[in-house]
PDB file of N, CA and C in Angstrom:
ATOM      1  N   MET A   1     -19.676  19.568 -15.922  1.00  0.00           N
ATOM      2  CA  MET A   1     -18.367  20.169 -15.892  1.00  0.00           C
ATOM      3  C   MET A   1     -18.510  21.681 -15.788  1.00  0.00           C
ATOM      4  N   ILE A   2     -17.687  22.239 -14.954  1.00  0.00           N
ATOM      5  CA  ILE A   2     -17.686  23.683 -14.800  1.00  0.00           C
ATOM      6  C   ILE A   2     -16.259  24.176 -14.959  1.00  0.00           C
ATOM      7  N   GLU A   3     -16.056  25.045 -15.910  1.00  0.00           N
ATOM      8  CA  GLU A   3     -14.727  25.572 -16.167  1.00  0.00           C
ATOM      9  C   GLU A   3     -14.216  26.315 -14.944  1.00  0.00           C
ATOM     10  N   GLY A   4     -12.960  26.076 -14.640  1.00  0.00           N
ATOM     11  CA  GLY A   4     -12.332  26.777 -13.537  1.00  0.00           C
ATOM     12  C   GLY A   4     -12.420  26.067 -12.204  1.00  0.00           C
ATOM     13  N   ASN A   5     -13.237  25.026 -12.096  1.00  0.00           N
ATOM     14  CA  ASN A   5     -13.281  24.264 -10.858  1.00  0.00           C
ATOM     15  C   ASN A   5     -11.942  23.583 -10.645  1.00  0.00           C
ATOM     16  N   THR A   6     -11.553  23.452  -9.406  1.00  0.00           N
ATOM     17  CA  THR A   6     -10.299  22.782  -9.101  1.00  0.00           C
ATOM     18  C   THR A   6     -10.589  21.481  -8.371  1.00  0.00           C
ATOM     19  N   ILE A   7      -9.630  20.589  -8.415  1.00  0.00           N
ATOM     20  CA  ILE A   7      -9.752  19.315  -7.719  1.00  0.00           C
ATOM     21  C   ILE A   7      -8.611  19.212  -6.719  1.00  0.00           C
ATOM     22  N   TYR A   8      -8.803  18.378  -5.730  1.00  0.00           N
ATOM     23  CA  TYR A   8      -7.740  18.118  -4.774  1.00  0.00           C
ATOM     24  C   TYR A   8      -6.650  17.315  -5.459  1.00  0.00           C
ATOM     25  N   ASP A   9      -5.417  17.523  -5.005  1.00  0.00           N
ATOM     26  CA  ASP A   9      -4.314  16.734  -5.541  1.00  0.00           C
ATOM     27  C   ASP A   9      -4.474  15.280  -5.110  1.00  0.00           C
ATOM     28  N   PHE A  10      -4.262  14.381  -6.052  1.00  0.00           N
ATOM     29  CA  PHE A  10      -4.219  12.966  -5.727  1.00  0.00           C
ATOM     30  C   PHE A  10      -3.321  12.253  -6.719  1.00  0.00           C
ATOM     31  N   GLU A  11      -2.861  11.085  -6.321  1.00  0.00           N
ATOM     32  CA  GLU A  11      -2.040  10.235  -7.179  1.00  0.00           C
ATOM     33  C   GLU A  11      -2.692   8.866  -7.244  1.00  0.00           C
ATOM     34  N   LEU A  12      -2.693   8.292  -8.437  1.00  0.00           N
ATOM     35  CA  LEU A  12      -3.231   6.951  -8.624  1.00  0.00           C
ATOM     36  C   LEU A  12      -2.308   6.171  -9.540  1.00  0.00           C
ATOM     37  N   PRO A  13      -2.242   4.841  -9.347  1.00  0.00           N
ATOM     38  CA  PRO A  13      -1.380   4.033 -10.211  1.00  0.00           C
ATOM     39  C   PRO A  13      -2.018   3.781 -11.574  1.00  0.00           C
ATOM     40  N   THR A  14      -1.170   3.688 -12.585  1.00  0.00           N
ATOM     41  CA  THR A  14      -1.623   3.288 -13.915  1.00  0.00           C
ATOM     42  C   THR A  14      -1.531   1.773 -14.014  1.00  0.00           C
ATOM     43  N   ASP A  15      -1.993   1.232 -15.120  1.00  0.00           N
ATOM     44  CA  ASP A  15      -1.900  -0.211 -15.335  1.00  0.00           C
ATOM     45  C   ASP A  15      -0.454  -0.672 -15.451  1.00  0.00           C
ATOM     46  N   LYS A  16       0.462   0.243 -15.738  1.00  0.00           N
ATOM     47  CA  LYS A  16       1.884  -0.092 -15.878  1.00  0.00           C
ATOM     48  C   LYS A  16       2.654   0.128 -14.573  1.00  0.00           C
ATOM     49  N   GLY A  17       1.947   0.565 -13.516  1.00  0.00           N
ATOM     50  CA  GLY A  17       2.583   0.760 -12.224  1.00  0.00           C
ATOM     51  C   GLY A  17       3.136   2.155 -11.985  1.00  0.00           C
ATOM     52  N   ASN A  18       3.014   3.047 -12.953  1.00  0.00           N
ATOM     53  CA  ASN A  18       3.434   4.436 -12.765  1.00  0.00           C
ATOM     54  C   ASN A  18       2.347   5.184 -12.002  1.00  0.00           C
ATOM     55  N   LEU A  19       2.689   6.349 -11.479  1.00  0.00           N
ATOM     56  CA  LEU A  19       1.698   7.165 -10.789  1.00  0.00           C
ATOM     57  C   LEU A  19       1.295   8.350 -11.650  1.00  0.00           C
ATOM     58  N   VAL A  20       0.004   8.639 -11.651  1.00  0.00           N
ATOM     59  CA  VAL A  20      -0.524   9.848 -12.285  1.00  0.00           C
ATOM     60  C   VAL A  20      -0.889  10.785 -11.145  1.00  0.00           C
ATOM     61  N   ALA A  21      -0.311  11.975 -11.158  1.00  0.00           N
ATOM     62  CA  ALA A  21      -0.582  12.963 -10.113  1.00  0.00           C
ATOM     63  C   ALA A  21      -1.285  14.161 -10.730  1.00  0.00           C
ATOM     64  N   THR A  22      -2.399  14.537 -10.138  1.00  0.00           N
ATOM     65  CA  THR A  22      -3.149  15.666 -10.684  1.00  0.00           C
ATOM     66  C   THR A  22      -2.373  16.973 -10.570  1.00  0.00           C
ATOM     67  N   LYS A  23      -1.442  17.067  -9.633  1.00  0.00           N
ATOM     68  CA  LYS A  23      -0.683  18.317  -9.494  1.00  0.00           C
ATOM     69  C   LYS A  23       0.134  18.623 -10.747  1.00  0.00           C
ATOM     70  N   HIS A  24       0.446  17.590 -11.531  1.00  0.00           N
ATOM     71  CA  HIS A  24       1.198  17.796 -12.776  1.00  0.00           C
ATOM     72  C   HIS A  24       0.285  18.207 -13.928  1.00  0.00           C
ATOM     73  N   LEU A  25      -0.999  18.228 -13.682  1.00  0.00           N
ATOM     74  CA  LEU A  25      -1.965  18.557 -14.731  1.00  0.00           C
ATOM     75  C   LEU A  25      -2.656  19.895 -14.487  1.00  0.00           C
ATOM     76  N   ARG A  26      -2.147  20.668 -13.553  1.00  0.00           N
ATOM     77  CA  ARG A  26      -2.760  21.979 -13.262  1.00  0.00           C
ATOM     78  C   ARG A  26      -2.781  22.840 -14.513  1.00  0.00           C
ATOM     79  N   GLY A  27      -3.901  23.508 -14.715  1.00  0.00           N
ATOM     80  CA  GLY A  27      -4.044  24.386 -15.870  1.00  0.00           C
ATOM     81  C   GLY A  27      -4.447  23.665 -17.142  1.00  0.00           C
ATOM     82  N   LYS A  28      -4.576  22.352 -17.077  1.00  0.00           N
ATOM     83  CA  LYS A  28      -4.962  21.550 -18.241  1.00  0.00           C
ATOM     84  C   LYS A  28      -6.467  21.292 -18.214  1.00  0.00           C
ATOM     85  N   LEU A  29      -6.984  20.939 -19.365  1.00  0.00           N
ATOM     86  CA  LEU A  29      -8.377  20.532 -19.481  1.00  0.00           C
ATOM     87  C   LEU A  29      -8.436  19.046 -19.159  1.00  0.00           C
ATOM     88  N   ILE A  30      -9.085  18.702 -18.044  1.00  0.00           N
ATOM     89  CA  ILE A  30      -9.089  17.319 -17.564  1.00  0.00           C
ATOM     90  C   ILE A  30     -10.523  16.823 -17.415  1.00  0.00           C
ATOM     91  N   PHE A  31     -10.752  15.618 -17.905  1.00  0.00           N
ATOM     92  CA  PHE A  31     -12.022  14.926 -17.694  1.00  0.00           C
ATOM     93  C   PHE A  31     -11.699  13.722 -16.820  1.00  0.00           C
ATOM     94  N   ILE A  32     -12.324  13.629 -15.659  1.00  0.00           N
ATOM     95  CA  ILE A  32     -12.101  12.489 -14.768  1.00  0.00           C
ATOM     96  C   ILE A  32     -13.316  11.585 -14.853  1.00  0.00           C
ATOM     97  N   ASP A  33     -13.064  10.346 -15.249  1.00  0.00           N
ATOM     98  CA  ASP A  33     -14.122   9.356 -15.439  1.00  0.00           C
ATOM     99  C   ASP A  33     -14.024   8.303 -14.343  1.00  0.00           C
ATOM    100  N   PHE A  34     -14.993   8.266 -13.442  1.00  0.00           N
ATOM    101  CA  PHE A  34     -15.050   7.236 -12.408  1.00  0.00           C
ATOM    102  C   PHE A  34     -15.866   6.072 -12.955  1.00  0.00           C
ATOM    103  N   TRP A  35     -15.318   4.864 -12.875  1.00  0.00           N
ATOM    104  CA  TRP A  35     -15.950   3.707 -13.481  1.00  0.00           C
ATOM    105  C   TRP A  35     -15.593   2.453 -12.681  1.00  0.00           C
ATOM    106  N   ALA A  36     -16.194   1.317 -13.064  1.00  0.00           N
ATOM    107  CA  ALA A  36     -15.874   0.019 -12.468  1.00  0.00           C
ATOM    108  C   ALA A  36     -16.095  -1.068 -13.507  1.00  0.00           C
ATOM    109  N   SER A  37     -15.383  -2.158 -13.351  1.00  0.00           N
ATOM    110  CA  SER A  37     -15.481  -3.262 -14.314  1.00  0.00           C
ATOM    111  C   SER A  37     -16.885  -3.858 -14.355  1.00  0.00           C
ATOM    112  N   TRP A  38     -17.589  -3.809 -13.234  1.00  0.00           N
ATOM    113  CA  TRP A  38     -18.925  -4.394 -13.128  1.00  0.00           C
ATOM    114  C   TRP A  38     -20.037  -3.419 -13.512  1.00  0.00           C
ATOM    115  N   CYS A  39     -19.685  -2.194 -13.877  1.00  0.00           N
ATOM    116  CA  CYS A  39     -20.680  -1.165 -14.196  1.00  0.00           C
ATOM    117  C   CYS A  39     -20.916  -1.129 -15.708  1.00  0.00           C
ATOM    118  N   ALA A  40     -21.987  -1.777 -16.149  1.00  0.00           N
ATOM    119  CA  ALA A  40     -22.273  -1.847 -17.590  1.00  0.00           C
ATOM    120  C   ALA A  40     -22.429  -0.467 -18.231  1.00  0.00           C
ATOM    121  N   PRO A  41     -23.158   0.478 -17.625  1.00  0.00           N
ATOM    122  CA  PRO A  41     -23.255   1.807 -18.245  1.00  0.00           C
ATOM    123  C   PRO A  41     -21.898   2.509 -18.353  1.00  0.00           C
ATOM    124  N   CYS A  42     -21.047   2.302 -17.350  1.00  0.00           N
ATOM    125  CA  CYS A  42     -19.700   2.897 -17.398  1.00  0.00           C
ATOM    126  C   CYS A  42     -18.923   2.352 -18.591  1.00  0.00           C
ATOM    127  N   ARG A  43     -18.971   1.056 -18.754  1.00  0.00           N
ATOM    128  CA  ARG A  43     -18.222   0.403 -19.832  1.00  0.00           C
ATOM    129  C   ARG A  43     -18.787   0.787 -21.194  1.00  0.00           C
ATOM    130  N   LYS A  44     -20.102   0.981 -21.246  1.00  0.00           N
ATOM    131  CA  LYS A  44     -20.761   1.328 -22.501  1.00  0.00           C
ATOM    132  C   LYS A  44     -20.350   2.714 -22.996  1.00  0.00           C
ATOM    133  N   GLN A  45     -19.970   3.601 -22.082  1.00  0.00           N
ATOM    134  CA  GLN A  45     -19.596   4.956 -22.490  1.00  0.00           C
ATOM    135  C   GLN A  45     -18.168   5.050 -23.029  1.00  0.00           C
ATOM    136  N   ASN A  46     -17.354   4.014 -22.889  1.00  0.00           N
ATOM    137  CA  ASN A  46     -15.953   4.066 -23.329  1.00  0.00           C
ATOM    138  C   ASN A  46     -15.773   4.517 -24.773  1.00  0.00           C
ATOM    139  N   PRO A  47     -16.534   3.997 -25.738  1.00  0.00           N
ATOM    140  CA  PRO A  47     -16.358   4.479 -27.115  1.00  0.00           C
ATOM    141  C   PRO A  47     -16.625   5.980 -27.249  1.00  0.00           C
ATOM    142  N   HIS A  48     -17.550   6.495 -26.454  1.00  0.00           N
ATOM    143  CA  HIS A  48     -17.851   7.928 -26.497  1.00  0.00           C
ATOM    144  C   HIS A  48     -16.698   8.749 -25.914  1.00  0.00           C
ATOM    145  N   LEU A  49     -16.076   8.226 -24.854  1.00  0.00           N
ATOM    146  CA  LEU A  49     -14.918   8.912 -24.278  1.00  0.00           C
ATOM    147  C   LEU A  49     -13.771   8.969 -25.279  1.00  0.00           C
ATOM    148  N   ILE A  50     -13.566   7.883 -25.988  1.00  0.00           N
ATOM    149  CA  ILE A  50     -12.517   7.855 -27.010  1.00  0.00           C
ATOM    150  C   ILE A  50     -12.817   8.876 -28.095  1.00  0.00           C
ATOM    151  N   GLU A  51     -14.064   8.947 -28.495  1.00  0.00           N
ATOM    152  CA  GLU A  51     -14.483   9.910 -29.519  1.00  0.00           C
ATOM    153  C   GLU A  51     -14.240  11.354 -29.057  1.00  0.00           C
ATOM    154  N   VAL A  52     -14.604  11.653 -27.822  1.00  0.00           N
ATOM    155  CA  VAL A  52     -14.388  13.000 -27.272  1.00  0.00           C
ATOM    156  C   VAL A  52     -12.893  13.297 -27.187  1.00  0.00           C
ATOM    157  N   TYR A  53     -12.121  12.319 -26.728  1.00  0.00           N
ATOM    158  CA  TYR A  53     -10.675  12.516 -26.628  1.00  0.00           C
ATOM    159  C   TYR A  53     -10.072  12.810 -28.000  1.00  0.00           C
ATOM    160  N   GLU A  54     -10.429  12.020 -28.990  1.00  0.00           N
ATOM    161  CA  GLU A  54      -9.892  12.233 -30.338  1.00  0.00           C
ATOM    162  C   GLU A  54     -10.255  13.619 -30.869  1.00  0.00           C
ATOM    163  N   LYS A  55     -11.435  14.084 -30.537  1.00  0.00           N
ATOM    164  CA  LYS A  55     -11.890  15.385 -31.020  1.00  0.00           C
ATOM    165  C   LYS A  55     -11.149  16.543 -30.351  1.00  0.00           C
ATOM    166  N   TYR A  56     -10.813  16.397 -29.051  1.00  0.00           N
ATOM    167  CA  TYR A  56     -10.268  17.519 -28.290  1.00  0.00           C
ATOM    168  C   TYR A  56      -8.830  17.345 -27.810  1.00  0.00           C
ATOM    169  N   LYS A  57      -8.171  16.259 -28.157  1.00  0.00           N
ATOM    170  CA  LYS A  57      -6.807  16.055 -27.661  1.00  0.00           C
ATOM    171  C   LYS A  57      -5.855  17.147 -28.133  1.00  0.00           C
ATOM    172  N   ASN A  58      -6.074  17.676 -29.324  1.00  0.00           N
ATOM    173  CA  ASN A  58      -5.206  18.743 -29.825  1.00  0.00           C
ATOM    174  C   ASN A  58      -5.422  20.061 -29.088  1.00  0.00           C
ATOM    175  N   LYS A  59      -6.501  20.140 -28.327  1.00  0.00           N
ATOM    176  CA  LYS A  59      -6.756  21.331 -27.499  1.00  0.00           C
ATOM    177  C   LYS A  59      -6.280  21.104 -26.069  1.00  0.00           C
ATOM    178  N   GLY A  60      -5.604  19.968 -25.852  1.00  0.00           N
ATOM    179  CA  GLY A  60      -5.013  19.692 -24.545  1.00  0.00           C
ATOM    180  C   GLY A  60      -5.828  18.828 -23.608  1.00  0.00           C
ATOM    181  N   LEU A  61      -6.922  18.244 -24.081  1.00  0.00           N
ATOM    182  CA  LEU A  61      -7.751  17.413 -23.212  1.00  0.00           C
ATOM    183  C   LEU A  61      -6.978  16.193 -22.719  1.00  0.00           C
ATOM    184  N   LYS A  62      -7.085  15.945 -21.423  1.00  0.00           N
ATOM    185  CA  LYS A  62      -6.562  14.734 -20.797  1.00  0.00           C
ATOM    186  C   LYS A  62      -7.738  14.039 -20.128  1.00  0.00           C
ATOM    187  N   ILE A  63      -7.809  12.729 -20.284  1.00  0.00           N
ATOM    188  CA  ILE A  63      -8.850  11.947 -19.615  1.00  0.00           C
ATOM    189  C   ILE A  63      -8.171  11.035 -18.609  1.00  0.00           C
ATOM    190  N   ILE A  64      -8.636  11.103 -17.374  1.00  0.00           N
ATOM    191  CA  ILE A  64      -8.137  10.225 -16.322  1.00  0.00           C
ATOM    192  C   ILE A  64      -9.278   9.298 -15.939  1.00  0.00           C
ATOM    193  N   GLY A  65      -9.070   8.002 -16.121  1.00  0.00           N
ATOM    194  CA  GLY A  65     -10.055   7.012 -15.716  1.00  0.00           C
ATOM    195  C   GLY A  65      -9.717   6.511 -14.326  1.00  0.00           C
ATOM    196  N   VAL A  66     -10.672   6.598 -13.417  1.00  0.00           N
ATOM    197  CA  VAL A  66     -10.468   6.158 -12.042  1.00  0.00           C
ATOM    198  C   VAL A  66     -11.402   4.987 -11.774  1.00  0.00           C
ATOM    199  N   SER A  67     -10.815   3.805 -11.658  1.00  0.00           N
ATOM    200  CA  SER A  67     -11.610   2.613 -11.371  1.00  0.00           C
ATOM    201  C   SER A  67     -11.878   2.529  -9.875  1.00  0.00           C
ATOM    202  N   ILE A  68     -13.109   2.208  -9.529  1.00  0.00           N
ATOM    203  CA  ILE A  68     -13.438   2.006  -8.118  1.00  0.00           C
ATOM    204  C   ILE A  68     -13.476   0.515  -7.770  1.00  0.00           C
ATOM    205  N   ASP A  69     -12.936  -0.304  -8.667  1.00  0.00           N
ATOM    206  CA  ASP A  69     -12.826  -1.736  -8.388  1.00  0.00           C
ATOM    207  C   ASP A  69     -11.945  -1.964  -7.165  1.00  0.00           C
ATOM    208  N   THR A  70     -12.291  -2.956  -6.365  1.00  0.00           N
ATOM    209  CA  THR A  70     -11.446  -3.326  -5.232  1.00  0.00           C
ATOM    210  C   THR A  70     -10.538  -4.497  -5.585  1.00  0.00           C
ATOM    211  N   ASN A  71     -10.792  -5.134  -6.714  1.00  0.00           N
ATOM    212  CA  ASN A  71      -9.980  -6.255  -7.174  1.00  0.00           C
ATOM    213  C   ASN A  71      -9.126  -5.790  -8.356  1.00  0.00           C
ATOM    214  N   LYS A  72      -7.816  -5.730  -8.155  1.00  0.00           N
ATOM    215  CA  LYS A  72      -6.911  -5.220  -9.187  1.00  0.00           C
ATOM    216  C   LYS A  72      -6.970  -6.056 -10.466  1.00  0.00           C
ATOM    217  N   ASP A  73      -7.085  -7.371 -10.354  1.00  0.00           N
ATOM    218  CA  ASP A  73      -7.137  -8.220 -11.546  1.00  0.00           C
ATOM    219  C   ASP A  73      -8.350  -7.901 -12.414  1.00  0.00           C
ATOM    220  N   ARG A  74      -9.494  -7.647 -11.790  1.00  0.00           N
ATOM    221  CA  ARG A  74     -10.698  -7.288 -12.560  1.00  0.00           C
ATOM    222  C   ARG A  74     -10.519  -5.942 -13.250  1.00  0.00           C
ATOM    223  N   TRP A  75      -9.900  -5.010 -12.544  1.00  0.00           N
ATOM    224  CA  TRP A  75      -9.626  -3.681 -13.106  1.00  0.00           C
ATOM    225  C   TRP A  75      -8.712  -3.802 -14.322  1.00  0.00           C
ATOM    226  N   LEU A  76      -7.633  -4.557 -14.180  1.00  0.00           N
ATOM    227  CA  LEU A  76      -6.695  -4.716 -15.295  1.00  0.00           C
ATOM    228  C   LEU A  76      -7.340  -5.438 -16.473  1.00  0.00           C
ATOM    229  N   LYS A  77      -8.135  -6.469 -16.193  1.00  0.00           N
ATOM    230  CA  LYS A  77      -8.817  -7.183 -17.275  1.00  0.00           C
ATOM    231  C   LYS A  77      -9.780  -6.250 -18.007  1.00  0.00           C
ATOM    232  N   ALA A  78     -10.481  -5.416 -17.274  1.00  0.00           N
ATOM    233  CA  ALA A  78     -11.458  -4.508 -17.881  1.00  0.00           C
ATOM    234  C   ALA A  78     -10.800  -3.519 -18.833  1.00  0.00           C
ATOM    235  N   ILE A  79      -9.626  -3.016 -18.501  1.00  0.00           N
ATOM    236  CA  ILE A  79      -9.005  -2.040 -19.401  1.00  0.00           C
ATOM    237  C   ILE A  79      -8.365  -2.703 -20.614  1.00  0.00           C
ATOM    238  N   ARG A  80      -8.122  -3.990 -20.521  1.00  0.00           N
ATOM    239  CA  ARG A  80      -7.569  -4.710 -21.679  1.00  0.00           C
ATOM    240  C   ARG A  80      -8.658  -5.148 -22.646  1.00  0.00           C
ATOM    241  N   ASP A  81      -9.877  -5.348 -22.130  1.00  0.00           N
ATOM    242  CA  ASP A  81     -11.001  -5.810 -22.976  1.00  0.00           C
ATOM    243  C   ASP A  81     -11.510  -4.726 -23.890  1.00  0.00           C
TER     244      ASP A  81
END
């Protein structure tokens, strides 16, 4: 992570069908986590992401998880597990 780096604007759906747009998060501290349901190391890091979020949420940290799954059902099952 490098402070001050910018990302391109993008929108992605949430599990509830809403859209998350990075343009609404400008100026915020954002961690983008790319993962997949079939990626064991990705899934193993989830407790650590929760720990980091709990530690820094009061400082404005937002975590955006971006699944690279091509099967929506697997993606949804993974976030519920």
